[in-house]
Amino acid sequence: MRVLFTTFAWPSHFYGMVPLAWAFQSAGHEVVVASQPQLTETITGAGLHAAVVGHDPDMRAMMHQPQYQQVGDTLLDEAVGTLPPEVLPEAEKAKWLTMLWHTCQVAETMTDDLVDFVGDWRPDLIVRDPSTFGASVAARKHGVPEARVTLCPDVMGKAYDARAALGSPDLAGFFERHGLTVEDSCARWTIDQCPPALRLPTATERIPMRHVPYATGGTVPDWLLAPKSRPRICLTWGFTTELLRSEAIGVPQLLGALEGLDCEVVIPGGRRLPGMPADLPGTVRVLDYLPLTMLLPTCDALLHHGGGGSMLMAAAQGVPQLMFPQIIDQAVYAHQLARTGAGQVVDRSDTDPAALRRHVRRFLETSSHRGAALRLQAEIAAQPAPAAVVDTLGRLVDRT
């Protein structure tokens, strides 16, 4: 079987699909990943074949468009994950419409080339991330079954459920330009990597799959193998937040909140972050790079921005999390995790150093988070492995 994976050029969206792509490839299927030029080396570096489609989107420029700035610097209310679409507050509808506008803007940068590639390569199945609506266009035009892979609690699935209530002119216009309707934006199957405790209620047909964390390779440092003399905390801020919200509270401020605590702090990728203090105590390790898949199993806690990829990776490792949501959809992810007891959420407006210190201390002193994190880890491990999902999808494709 030929299987085409596709996502726009955003590394975290690609990383969330790699284990399933590997599973298809290991089962003997032919796999290609289609994306924009700037993701090509990332794809081939994961041992997968790349097809270049479209051109790279200017994400910073999109975020400065009036359509985004009206609401894009606000967070979705945590409650929208569980509210029925027909009772969404107007302010929340505006945020979701902005998300759909942005998704359609990105889709336009690759859809035409993606349609042509699907016509030439003729895959038997298309697997996409939640945001790449161009894959739905290609699937409908060429009659190819389509599945989408969730990378976090399925906010985009909720937006699709709410399409009638939202009435997004951008979503409707995008599909109309390609001779389709907004109903064509829904993939036939949703492969959900969230365990039941983290899932949002949606109308999409789910195929559950265990989240298998992926990161690019690295070398095991000697200090990681040595016994720990104090609790170890990982501090990471994520690719999306670094690129799109550099003015937000970040790692330097959180380092101040951790000052004086008897713990070891490790910041993978910290040397590229702006504003990092030059003079740090010996208990703080600032690294060029270390895979989270290597580091997190040795950690007692993760402090991060609330991104879905970081959240699921830490959940799969049984690590408690303190989250500081920064981007429009991250509050929903963070509060879904907090409801399980495996972490806490800090509002991004709470930037006073003394308040941050209180939040961090309370989190580290709450022993129940560890037990909840281990229960969530067990729930993730109980989901079907990617290899089992390959078999399931193969049977479903055979029936179409």
Protein backbone atom coordinates (compact mmCIF):
# COMPACT_ATOMS: atom_id res chain seq x y z
CA MET A 1 0.00 0.00 0.00
CA ARG A 2 1.16 3.54 -0.74
CA VAL A 3 0.66 5.91 2.20
CA LEU A 4 1.10 9.66 1.94
CA PHE A 5 1.65 11.59 5.16
CA THR A 6 1.35 15.36 4.95
CA THR A 7 1.61 18.40 7.20
CA PHE A 8 2.49 22.02 6.75
CA ALA A 9 6.11 22.87 7.60
CA TRP A 10 5.88 22.85 11.38
CA PRO A 11 8.26 20.41 13.10
CA SER A 12 6.04 19.54 16.08
CA HIS A 13 3.18 18.55 13.75
CA PHE A 14 5.52 16.28 11.81
CA TYR A 15 7.05 14.75 14.95
CA GLY A 16 3.63 13.63 16.12
CA MET A 17 3.18 11.51 12.98
CA VAL A 18 6.65 9.94 12.72
CA PRO A 19 6.00 6.76 14.79
CA LEU A 20 2.95 5.91 12.67
CA ALA A 21 4.88 6.59 9.46
CA TRP A 22 7.66 4.31 10.71
CA ALA A 23 5.10 1.63 11.57
CA PHE A 24 3.72 1.71 8.02
CA GLN A 25 7.23 1.60 6.59
CA SER A 26 8.27 -1.27 8.88
CA ALA A 27 5.21 -3.24 7.78
CA GLY A 28 6.44 -3.04 4.18
CA HIS A 29 4.27 -0.19 2.94
CA GLU A 30 5.60 2.60 0.74
CA VAL A 31 5.64 5.90 2.66
CA VAL A 32 6.21 9.49 1.50
CA VAL A 33 5.82 12.69 3.53
CA ALA A 34 4.69 15.78 1.59
CA SER A 35 5.38 19.22 3.02
CA GLN A 36 6.83 22.61 2.23
CA PRO A 37 10.54 23.15 1.51
CA GLN A 38 11.72 24.12 4.99
CA LEU A 39 10.63 20.76 6.47
CA THR A 40 12.52 18.63 3.92
CA GLU A 41 15.68 18.02 5.98
CA THR A 42 13.60 17.26 9.06
CA ILE A 43 11.66 14.61 7.13
CA THR A 44 14.68 12.94 5.56
CA GLY A 45 16.51 13.16 8.91
CA ALA A 46 13.78 10.93 10.34
CA GLY A 47 14.55 8.27 7.72
CA LEU A 48 11.50 9.04 5.58
CA HIS A 49 11.12 10.09 1.94
CA ALA A 50 10.08 13.71 1.34
CA ALA A 51 8.01 15.28 -1.43
CA VAL A 52 8.30 19.07 -1.62
CA VAL A 53 5.00 20.87 -2.25
CA GLY A 54 4.09 24.54 -2.22
CA HIS A 55 6.15 27.29 -0.62
CA ASP A 56 7.05 28.09 2.98
CA PRO A 57 4.44 30.12 4.89
CA ASP A 58 5.54 33.32 6.63
CA MET A 59 4.09 32.51 10.03
CA ARG A 60 5.27 35.69 11.71
CA ALA A 61 3.66 37.82 9.01
CA MET A 62 0.38 35.93 9.36
CA MET A 63 0.38 36.51 13.11
CA HIS A 64 0.66 40.26 12.50
CA GLN A 65 -2.35 40.41 10.17
CA PRO A 66 -5.34 42.36 11.59
CA GLN A 67 -7.51 39.23 11.40
CA TYR A 68 -5.20 37.47 13.83
CA GLN A 69 -4.26 40.36 16.08
CA GLN A 70 -7.90 41.11 16.93
CA VAL A 71 -8.10 37.94 19.05
CA GLY A 72 -4.95 35.95 18.33
CA ASP A 73 -3.12 37.20 21.40
CA THR A 74 -5.83 35.80 23.68
CA LEU A 75 -6.30 32.24 24.91
CA LEU A 76 -9.27 30.02 24.26
CA ASP A 77 -11.30 29.66 27.42
CA GLU A 78 -10.59 26.29 29.00
CA ALA A 79 -14.31 25.47 28.98
CA VAL A 80 -14.66 25.46 25.18
CA GLY A 81 -13.25 21.96 25.06
CA THR A 82 -16.38 20.58 26.67
CA LEU A 83 -19.09 23.05 25.58
CA PRO A 84 -21.53 22.08 22.78
CA PRO A 85 -20.93 24.22 19.66
CA GLU A 86 -24.35 25.87 19.82
CA VAL A 87 -23.64 27.46 23.23
CA LEU A 88 -20.18 28.84 22.51
CA PRO A 89 -19.87 32.44 23.77
CA GLU A 90 -19.43 35.00 20.98
CA ALA A 91 -15.94 35.91 22.20
CA GLU A 92 -14.89 32.27 21.94
CA LYS A 93 -16.41 31.93 18.46
CA ALA A 94 -14.23 34.84 17.33
CA LYS A 95 -11.10 33.03 18.55
CA TRP A 96 -12.07 29.82 16.76
CA LEU A 97 -12.82 31.75 13.57
CA THR A 98 -9.32 33.23 13.82
CA MET A 99 -7.82 29.75 14.15
CA LEU A 100 -9.70 28.61 11.05
CA TRP A 101 -8.63 31.75 9.13
CA HIS A 102 -4.99 31.04 9.99
CA THR A 103 -5.30 27.35 9.06
CA CYS A 104 -6.79 28.23 5.67
CA GLN A 105 -4.07 30.82 5.02
CA VAL A 106 -1.40 28.17 5.62
CA ALA A 107 -3.27 25.59 3.53
CA GLU A 108 -3.31 27.89 0.50
CA THR A 109 0.51 27.83 0.41
CA MET A 110 0.64 24.12 -0.48
CA THR A 111 -2.74 22.83 -1.68
CA ASP A 112 -2.35 23.10 -5.47
CA ASP A 113 0.99 21.28 -5.50
CA LEU A 114 -0.33 18.68 -3.06
CA VAL A 115 -3.31 17.96 -5.32
CA ASP A 116 -0.95 17.50 -8.27
CA PHE A 117 1.38 15.21 -6.31
CA VAL A 118 -1.49 12.99 -5.17
CA GLY A 119 -2.66 12.74 -8.78
CA ASP A 120 0.81 11.70 -9.92
CA TRP A 121 1.80 9.34 -7.07
CA ARG A 122 -1.68 7.82 -6.48
CA PRO A 123 -1.51 6.87 -2.79
CA ASP A 124 -3.95 4.37 -1.31
CA LEU A 125 -4.28 6.39 1.91
CA ILE A 126 -3.58 9.99 2.98
CA VAL A 127 -2.70 10.68 6.62
CA ARG A 128 -2.57 14.32 7.67
CA ASP A 129 -2.13 16.47 10.75
CA PRO A 130 -5.29 18.22 12.06
CA SER A 131 -4.54 21.51 10.27
CA THR A 132 -3.58 20.55 6.71
CA PHE A 133 -6.91 21.02 4.95
CA GLY A 134 -5.18 20.84 1.57
CA ALA A 135 -4.93 17.09 2.12
CA SER A 136 -8.73 16.93 2.29
CA VAL A 137 -8.93 18.72 -1.05
CA ALA A 138 -6.47 16.27 -2.62
CA ALA A 139 -8.27 13.29 -1.10
CA ARG A 140 -11.68 14.36 -2.42
CA LYS A 141 -10.43 15.28 -5.89
CA HIS A 142 -8.65 11.95 -6.38
CA GLY A 143 -10.95 9.65 -4.38
CA VAL A 144 -8.35 8.66 -1.78
CA PRO A 145 -9.35 7.66 1.79
CA GLU A 146 -8.10 10.15 4.37
CA ALA A 147 -7.21 9.96 8.07
CA ARG A 148 -6.10 12.71 10.41
CA VAL A 149 -3.76 12.30 13.40
CA THR A 150 -4.33 14.30 16.57
CA LEU A 151 -1.20 15.71 18.16
CA CYS A 152 -2.92 16.86 21.37
CA PRO A 153 -6.51 17.27 22.66
CA ASP A 154 -8.51 17.72 19.46
CA VAL A 155 -9.33 21.44 19.40
CA MET A 156 -9.50 21.43 15.60
CA GLY A 157 -11.99 18.56 15.72
CA LYS A 158 -14.14 20.68 18.01
CA ALA A 159 -13.90 23.53 15.51
CA TYR A 160 -15.13 21.17 12.79
CA ASP A 161 -18.03 20.06 15.00
CA ALA A 162 -18.87 23.75 15.44
CA ARG A 163 -18.65 24.60 11.72
CA ALA A 164 -22.38 25.31 11.40
CA ALA A 165 -22.46 27.50 14.51
CA LEU A 166 -19.25 29.28 13.50
CA GLY A 167 -20.11 29.78 9.83
CA SER A 168 -16.46 30.41 8.95
CA PRO A 169 -16.28 32.31 5.63
CA ASP A 170 -12.59 31.40 5.36
CA LEU A 171 -13.20 27.66 5.68
CA ALA A 172 -16.13 27.77 3.26
CA GLY A 173 -14.22 29.97 0.81
CA PHE A 174 -11.15 27.74 0.87
CA PHE A 175 -13.09 24.64 -0.15
CA GLU A 176 -15.29 26.51 -2.63
CA ARG A 177 -12.18 27.76 -4.44
CA HIS A 178 -11.30 24.12 -5.02
CA GLY A 179 -14.79 23.15 -6.17
CA LEU A 180 -15.77 21.53 -2.86
CA THR A 181 -17.89 22.34 0.21
CA VAL A 182 -17.03 22.81 3.87
CA GLU A 183 -18.35 19.30 4.54
CA ASP A 184 -15.29 18.02 2.67
CA SER A 185 -12.98 19.26 5.45
CA CYS A 186 -13.69 16.21 7.59
CA ALA A 187 -11.38 13.21 7.28
CA ARG A 188 -12.98 9.78 7.31
CA TRP A 189 -11.03 8.66 10.38
CA THR A 190 -9.33 10.43 13.30
CA ILE A 191 -6.34 8.66 14.82
CA ASP A 192 -6.40 9.95 18.39
CA GLN A 193 -3.13 9.85 20.33
CA CYS A 194 -4.72 11.19 23.50
CA PRO A 195 -5.72 8.69 26.18
CA PRO A 196 -9.38 8.82 27.27
CA ALA A 197 -8.63 11.18 30.18
CA LEU A 198 -7.27 13.86 27.81
CA ARG A 199 -9.74 13.55 24.94
CA LEU A 200 -12.19 16.28 24.04
CA PRO A 201 -15.73 15.18 23.17
CA THR A 202 -16.15 15.41 19.38
CA ALA A 203 -18.29 13.83 16.69
CA THR A 204 -15.30 12.51 14.76
CA GLU A 205 -14.84 8.74 14.33
CA ARG A 206 -11.83 7.84 16.47
CA ILE A 207 -9.17 5.18 16.09
CA PRO A 208 -7.22 5.23 19.38
CA MET A 209 -3.42 5.02 19.18
CA ARG A 210 -0.73 5.01 21.84
CA HIS A 211 1.38 8.16 21.85
CA VAL A 212 4.97 7.12 21.17
CA PRO A 213 7.25 10.12 21.79
CA TYR A 214 9.58 11.06 18.94
CA ALA A 215 12.62 13.31 18.94
CA THR A 216 15.69 13.56 16.77
CA GLY A 217 18.67 11.55 17.96
CA GLY A 218 21.32 12.61 20.43
CA THR A 219 24.28 11.36 22.45
CA VAL A 220 23.80 10.25 26.06
CA PRO A 221 25.87 12.57 28.31
CA ASP A 222 27.74 11.04 31.25
CA TRP A 223 25.95 13.21 33.81
CA LEU A 224 22.58 11.79 32.75
CA LEU A 225 23.70 8.30 33.82
CA ALA A 226 25.05 9.36 37.21
CA PRO A 227 22.82 9.10 40.32
CA LYS A 228 20.91 12.32 41.05
CA SER A 229 21.75 14.22 44.23
CA ARG A 230 18.61 16.39 44.09
CA PRO A 231 15.30 16.52 42.15
CA ARG A 232 15.72 17.22 38.44
CA ILE A 233 13.45 19.70 36.65
CA CYS A 234 13.29 20.08 32.88
CA LEU A 235 12.46 23.55 31.58
CA THR A 236 11.44 23.90 27.93
CA TRP A 237 9.51 26.51 25.99
CA GLY A 238 8.72 24.90 22.64
CA PHE A 239 9.32 25.81 19.00
CA THR A 240 5.95 27.51 18.49
CA THR A 241 6.21 29.81 21.49
CA GLU A 242 9.80 30.77 20.71
CA LEU A 243 8.85 31.75 17.17
CA LEU A 244 5.52 33.46 17.69
CA ARG A 245 5.45 34.92 21.18
CA SER A 246 8.96 35.96 22.16
CA GLU A 247 7.66 38.75 24.39
CA ALA A 248 5.81 36.35 26.71
CA ILE A 249 6.95 35.10 30.07
CA GLY A 250 9.65 32.57 29.38
CA VAL A 251 12.60 30.59 30.64
CA PRO A 252 14.61 33.50 32.14
CA GLN A 253 11.67 34.51 34.36
CA LEU A 254 11.06 30.93 35.45
CA LEU A 255 14.72 30.51 36.32
CA GLY A 256 14.26 33.40 38.73
CA ALA A 257 11.29 31.60 40.29
CA LEU A 258 13.42 28.46 40.76
CA GLU A 259 16.33 30.33 42.33
CA GLY A 260 17.18 29.05 45.79
CA LEU A 261 15.28 25.77 45.44
CA ASP A 262 17.23 22.58 46.10
CA CYS A 263 16.88 21.15 42.59
CA GLU A 264 18.79 20.60 39.37
CA VAL A 265 17.40 22.47 36.35
CA VAL A 266 18.06 21.28 32.79
CA ILE A 267 17.16 23.48 29.80
CA PRO A 268 17.52 21.56 26.53
CA GLY A 269 17.96 24.01 23.66
CA GLY A 270 18.36 26.84 26.16
CA ARG A 271 21.37 28.41 24.48
CA ARG A 272 19.26 29.64 21.59
CA LEU A 273 16.69 31.37 23.81
CA PRO A 274 16.77 35.19 24.04
CA GLY A 275 17.43 36.83 27.39
CA MET A 276 19.15 33.88 29.05
CA PRO A 277 21.26 35.04 32.02
CA ALA A 278 24.99 34.74 31.45
CA ASP A 279 25.82 33.89 35.06
CA LEU A 280 23.92 30.82 36.26
CA PRO A 281 24.49 28.58 39.29
CA GLY A 282 26.08 25.18 38.85
CA THR A 283 22.73 23.47 39.44
CA VAL A 284 21.43 24.84 36.10
CA ARG A 285 22.43 23.07 32.87
CA VAL A 286 21.81 25.09 29.69
CA LEU A 287 22.30 22.85 26.66
CA ASP A 288 22.45 23.26 22.89
CA TYR A 289 20.26 20.19 22.49
CA LEU A 290 19.21 17.05 24.29
CA PRO A 291 16.23 14.95 23.16
CA LEU A 292 13.33 15.13 25.59
CA THR A 293 12.83 11.42 25.01
CA MET A 294 16.25 10.92 26.62
CA LEU A 295 15.96 13.54 29.35
CA LEU A 296 12.38 13.26 30.65
CA PRO A 297 12.59 9.69 32.05
CA THR A 298 15.20 11.04 34.51
CA CYS A 299 13.16 14.10 35.54
CA ASP A 300 10.89 14.73 38.51
CA ALA A 301 8.96 17.54 36.81
CA LEU A 302 8.56 19.44 33.54
CA LEU A 303 7.90 23.18 33.40
CA HIS A 304 6.70 24.26 29.95
CA HIS A 305 4.49 26.42 27.75
CA GLY A 306 1.51 24.08 27.51
CA GLY A 307 2.20 22.85 23.98
CA GLY A 308 0.45 19.64 22.99
CA GLY A 309 3.63 17.84 21.91
CA SER A 310 5.50 18.57 25.14
CA MET A 311 2.42 17.70 27.20
CA LEU A 312 1.86 14.29 25.59
CA MET A 313 5.57 13.44 25.65
CA ALA A 314 5.82 14.11 29.39
CA ALA A 315 2.52 12.31 30.02
CA ALA A 316 3.85 9.22 28.24
CA GLN A 317 6.89 9.32 30.56
CA GLY A 318 4.82 9.74 33.74
CA VAL A 319 6.29 13.17 34.55
CA PRO A 320 4.23 15.82 36.46
CA GLN A 321 3.87 19.13 34.60
CA LEU A 322 3.59 22.81 35.50
CA MET A 323 2.24 24.65 32.46
CA PHE A 324 2.21 28.32 31.44
CA PRO A 325 -0.04 28.48 28.31
CA GLN A 326 1.03 31.18 25.84
CA ILE A 327 -0.64 30.57 22.45
CA ILE A 328 -4.37 30.64 21.65
CA ASP A 329 -5.12 26.89 22.00
CA GLN A 330 -2.60 25.92 24.69
CA ALA A 331 -4.90 26.74 27.62
CA VAL A 332 -7.30 23.99 26.52
CA TYR A 333 -4.49 21.41 26.42
CA ALA A 334 -3.07 22.49 29.77
CA HIS A 335 -6.40 22.42 31.60
CA GLN A 336 -7.26 19.01 30.15
CA LEU A 337 -4.07 17.69 31.73
CA ALA A 338 -4.67 19.54 35.01
CA ARG A 339 -8.08 17.85 35.31
CA THR A 340 -6.29 14.49 35.54
CA GLY A 341 -4.29 15.71 38.55
CA ALA A 342 -0.99 15.21 36.70
CA GLY A 343 -0.14 18.91 36.67
CA GLN A 344 -1.06 22.52 37.36
CA VAL A 345 -1.69 25.58 35.17
CA VAL A 346 -0.42 29.13 35.72
CA ASP A 347 -2.10 32.03 33.94
CA ARG A 348 0.35 33.80 31.64
CA SER A 349 -0.63 37.18 33.13
CA ASP A 350 0.72 36.08 36.50
CA THR A 351 4.25 37.30 35.82
CA ASP A 352 5.13 38.79 39.20
CA PRO A 353 8.36 37.06 40.34
CA ALA A 354 7.01 36.41 43.83
CA ALA A 355 3.79 34.92 42.43
CA LEU A 356 5.74 32.71 40.04
CA ARG A 357 7.85 31.46 42.92
CA ARG A 358 4.72 30.60 44.91
CA HIS A 359 3.26 28.68 41.96
CA VAL A 360 6.46 26.71 41.45
CA ARG A 361 6.87 25.89 45.15
CA ARG A 362 3.24 24.78 45.50
CA PHE A 363 3.58 22.56 42.43
CA LEU A 364 6.79 20.91 43.63
CA GLU A 365 5.35 20.35 47.11
CA THR A 366 2.16 18.65 45.82
CA SER A 367 3.05 14.97 46.00
CA SER A 368 -0.23 13.76 44.44
CA HIS A 369 0.87 14.90 40.97
CA ARG A 370 3.32 12.00 40.68
CA GLY A 371 0.66 9.34 41.26
CA ALA A 372 -1.72 10.99 38.80
CA ALA A 373 1.06 11.25 36.20
CA LEU A 374 1.85 7.55 36.56
CA ARG A 375 -1.83 6.66 36.15
CA LEU A 376 -1.97 8.75 32.99
CA GLN A 377 1.19 7.06 31.72
CA ALA A 378 -0.43 3.65 32.24
CA GLU A 379 -3.53 4.81 30.37
CA ILE A 380 -1.39 5.89 27.42
CA ALA A 381 0.51 2.59 27.43
CA ALA A 382 -2.80 0.69 27.28
CA GLN A 383 -3.75 2.25 23.92
CA PRO A 384 -3.09 0.30 20.68
CA ALA A 385 0.47 0.63 19.37
CA PRO A 386 1.11 2.30 15.99
CA ALA A 387 1.72 -1.14 14.44
CA ALA A 388 -1.79 -2.22 15.45
CA VAL A 389 -3.23 0.97 13.95
CA VAL A 390 -1.46 0.16 10.66
CA ASP A 391 -3.35 -3.14 10.58
CA THR A 392 -6.64 -1.41 11.42
CA LEU A 393 -6.22 1.21 8.71
CA GLY A 394 -5.21 -1.44 6.20
CA ARG A 395 -8.47 -3.31 6.80
CA LEU A 396 -10.51 -0.11 6.60
CA VAL A 397 -8.88 0.94 3.33
CA ASP A 398 -9.52 -2.52 1.87
CA ARG A 399 -13.24 -2.06 2.57
CA THR A 400 -13.51 1.33 0.85
